[in-house]
Amino acid sequence: MTCCCSVYGREVTSSGPWCQQWAHHPEAVARLHALWLASQQYTAAEASLAGPSLWRRDHLDPALLQLRAADGPFGACTTSPARPNHRLLASPAPASEGEVA
């Protein structure tokens, strides 16, 4: 999969991060998979000619805002050479047996 950021030409910054190792971020994978499924619907033969535009407006743009938010799934990944480029955010600890999540 091509990085959406390179296709749409957005600069990678601390306020708009992207991780080259996006496949290691479960939230990013889930959002990108949902985008792909929606794109299949909006570009199917029976979709309207406006389908691709609607997909970008209703699905891609909001998903990219979530993915590239400073506190989004790539928020711990940085572009600074003084810091690691790839870090996963801490996951919540699994609930112990008998605990309600």
C-alpha atoms as a PDB file:
ATOM      1  CA  MET A   1       0.000   0.000   0.000  1.00  0.00           C
ATOM      2  CA  THR A   2       1.316   3.414  -0.908  1.00  0.00           C
ATOM      3  CA  CYS A   3       1.475   5.928   1.913  1.00  0.00           C
ATOM      4  CA  CYS A   4      -1.455   8.330   1.573  1.00  0.00           C
ATOM      5  CA  CYS A   5       0.831  11.113   2.732  1.00  0.00           C
ATOM      6  CA  SER A   6       3.151  10.788  -0.257  1.00  0.00           C
ATOM      7  CA  VAL A   7       0.224  10.666  -2.686  1.00  0.00           C
ATOM      8  CA  TYR A   8      -1.400  13.737  -1.150  1.00  0.00           C
ATOM      9  CA  GLY A   9       1.900  15.537  -0.537  1.00  0.00           C
ATOM     10  CA  ARG A  10       1.553  16.365   3.133  1.00  0.00           C
ATOM     11  CA  GLU A  11       4.682  17.166   5.095  1.00  0.00           C
ATOM     12  CA  VAL A  12       5.444  14.857   8.005  1.00  0.00           C
ATOM     13  CA  THR A  13       5.767  16.925  11.168  1.00  0.00           C
ATOM     14  CA  SER A  14       5.286  16.438  14.899  1.00  0.00           C
ATOM     15  CA  SER A  15       1.786  17.920  14.545  1.00  0.00           C
ATOM     16  CA  GLY A  16       1.060  15.761  11.475  1.00  0.00           C
ATOM     17  CA  PRO A  17       3.076  12.560  11.985  1.00  0.00           C
ATOM     18  CA  TRP A  18       3.247   9.522   9.728  1.00  0.00           C
ATOM     19  CA  CYS A  19       5.167   6.343  10.410  1.00  0.00           C
ATOM     20  CA  GLN A  20       6.862   4.420   7.636  1.00  0.00           C
ATOM     21  CA  GLN A  21       6.165   1.338   9.756  1.00  0.00           C
ATOM     22  CA  TRP A  22       2.409   2.026   9.804  1.00  0.00           C
ATOM     23  CA  ALA A  23       1.645  -1.703   9.604  1.00  0.00           C
ATOM     24  CA  HIS A  24       2.947  -2.081  13.184  1.00  0.00           C
ATOM     25  CA  HIS A  25       0.239   0.271  14.498  1.00  0.00           C
ATOM     26  CA  PRO A  26      -3.040  -1.665  15.018  1.00  0.00           C
ATOM     27  CA  GLU A  27      -5.237   1.456  14.952  1.00  0.00           C
ATOM     28  CA  ALA A  28      -3.676   2.591  11.685  1.00  0.00           C
ATOM     29  CA  VAL A  29      -4.163  -0.835  10.128  1.00  0.00           C
ATOM     30  CA  ALA A  30      -7.817  -0.887  11.199  1.00  0.00           C
ATOM     31  CA  ARG A  31      -8.480   2.608   9.823  1.00  0.00           C
ATOM     32  CA  LEU A  32      -6.667   1.922   6.552  1.00  0.00           C
ATOM     33  CA  HIS A  33      -8.535  -1.361   6.114  1.00  0.00           C
ATOM     34  CA  ALA A  34     -11.849   0.448   6.644  1.00  0.00           C
ATOM     35  CA  LEU A  35     -10.765   3.043   4.048  1.00  0.00           C
ATOM     36  CA  TRP A  36      -9.968   0.303   1.568  1.00  0.00           C
ATOM     37  CA  LEU A  37     -13.355  -1.383   2.105  1.00  0.00           C
ATOM     38  CA  ALA A  38     -15.167   1.929   1.637  1.00  0.00           C
ATOM     39  CA  SER A  39     -13.154   2.677  -1.492  1.00  0.00           C
ATOM     40  CA  GLN A  40     -14.303  -0.630  -2.968  1.00  0.00           C
ATOM     41  CA  GLN A  41     -17.908   0.417  -2.426  1.00  0.00           C
ATOM     42  CA  TYR A  42     -17.437   3.930  -3.816  1.00  0.00           C
ATOM     43  CA  THR A  43     -15.558   2.795  -6.937  1.00  0.00           C
ATOM     44  CA  ALA A  44     -17.661  -0.265  -7.794  1.00  0.00           C
ATOM     45  CA  ALA A  45     -19.292  -0.384 -11.225  1.00  0.00           C
ATOM     46  CA  GLU A  46     -22.684   0.476  -9.751  1.00  0.00           C
ATOM     47  CA  ALA A  47     -21.328   3.475  -7.788  1.00  0.00           C
ATOM     48  CA  SER A  48     -22.090   6.971  -9.011  1.00  0.00           C
ATOM     49  CA  LEU A  49     -19.507   9.008 -10.876  1.00  0.00           C
ATOM     50  CA  ALA A  50     -19.150  11.138  -7.744  1.00  0.00           C
ATOM     51  CA  GLY A  51     -18.099   8.057  -5.744  1.00  0.00           C
ATOM     52  CA  PRO A  52     -14.364   8.788  -5.587  1.00  0.00           C
ATOM     53  CA  SER A  53     -14.984  12.372  -4.528  1.00  0.00           C
ATOM     54  CA  LEU A  54     -17.493  11.299  -1.870  1.00  0.00           C
ATOM     55  CA  TRP A  55     -15.046   8.678  -0.597  1.00  0.00           C
ATOM     56  CA  ARG A  56     -12.336  11.315  -0.175  1.00  0.00           C
ATOM     57  CA  ARG A  57     -14.688  13.750   1.562  1.00  0.00           C
ATOM     58  CA  ASP A  58     -16.530  11.287   3.789  1.00  0.00           C
ATOM     59  CA  HIS A  59     -13.839   8.694   4.503  1.00  0.00           C
ATOM     60  CA  LEU A  60     -10.271   9.581   3.516  1.00  0.00           C
ATOM     61  CA  ASP A  61     -10.093  13.133   4.854  1.00  0.00           C
ATOM     62  CA  PRO A  62     -11.542  12.298   8.309  1.00  0.00           C
ATOM     63  CA  ALA A  63      -9.397   9.155   8.586  1.00  0.00           C
ATOM     64  CA  LEU A  64      -6.219  11.056   7.734  1.00  0.00           C
ATOM     65  CA  LEU A  65      -7.071  13.671  10.348  1.00  0.00           C
ATOM     66  CA  GLN A  66      -7.325  10.900  12.948  1.00  0.00           C
ATOM     67  CA  LEU A  67      -4.245   9.021  11.748  1.00  0.00           C
ATOM     68  CA  ARG A  68      -2.069  12.125  11.531  1.00  0.00           C
ATOM     69  CA  ALA A  69      -3.248  13.829  14.711  1.00  0.00           C
ATOM     70  CA  ALA A  70      -0.464  14.649  17.157  1.00  0.00           C
ATOM     71  CA  ASP A  71      -2.141  12.278  19.640  1.00  0.00           C
ATOM     72  CA  GLY A  72      -3.046   9.701  16.983  1.00  0.00           C
ATOM     73  CA  PRO A  73      -1.492   6.287  16.431  1.00  0.00           C
ATOM     74  CA  PHE A  74       1.768   7.768  15.107  1.00  0.00           C
ATOM     75  CA  GLY A  75       2.073  10.353  17.879  1.00  0.00           C
ATOM     76  CA  ALA A  76       4.965   8.499  19.521  1.00  0.00           C
ATOM     77  CA  CYS A  77       6.850   8.254  16.216  1.00  0.00           C
ATOM     78  CA  THR A  78       9.039  11.224  15.437  1.00  0.00           C
ATOM     79  CA  THR A  79      10.955  12.656  12.536  1.00  0.00           C
ATOM     80  CA  SER A  80      13.739  14.059  14.710  1.00  0.00           C
ATOM     81  CA  PRO A  81      17.141  12.371  14.204  1.00  0.00           C
ATOM     82  CA  ALA A  82      17.780  12.826  17.933  1.00  0.00           C
ATOM     83  CA  ARG A  83      14.862  10.514  18.828  1.00  0.00           C
ATOM     84  CA  PRO A  84      13.749   7.093  17.624  1.00  0.00           C
ATOM     85  CA  ASN A  85      11.669   7.220  14.453  1.00  0.00           C
ATOM     86  CA  HIS A  86       9.305   4.417  15.396  1.00  0.00           C
ATOM     87  CA  ARG A  87       7.661   3.745  18.738  1.00  0.00           C
ATOM     88  CA  LEU A  88       4.367   2.102  19.543  1.00  0.00           C
ATOM     89  CA  LEU A  89       2.036   3.796  21.988  1.00  0.00           C
ATOM     90  CA  ALA A  90       1.490   1.896  25.192  1.00  0.00           C
ATOM     91  CA  SER A  91      -1.513  -0.406  25.062  1.00  0.00           C
ATOM     92  CA  PRO A  92      -3.897  -0.759  27.960  1.00  0.00           C
ATOM     93  CA  ALA A  93      -3.035  -3.715  30.161  1.00  0.00           C
ATOM     94  CA  PRO A  94      -5.341  -6.684  29.567  1.00  0.00           C
ATOM     95  CA  ALA A  95      -8.017  -7.119  32.202  1.00  0.00           C
ATOM     96  CA  SER A  96      -7.280  -9.783  34.791  1.00  0.00           C
ATOM     97  CA  GLU A  97      -9.575 -12.747  34.984  1.00  0.00           C
ATOM     98  CA  GLY A  98     -12.716 -11.744  36.839  1.00  0.00           C
ATOM     99  CA  GLU A  99     -12.233  -8.001  36.171  1.00  0.00           C
ATOM    100  CA  VAL A 100     -14.753  -6.056  34.174  1.00  0.00           C
ATOM    101  CA  ALA A 101     -13.115  -4.136  31.332  1.00  0.00           C
END
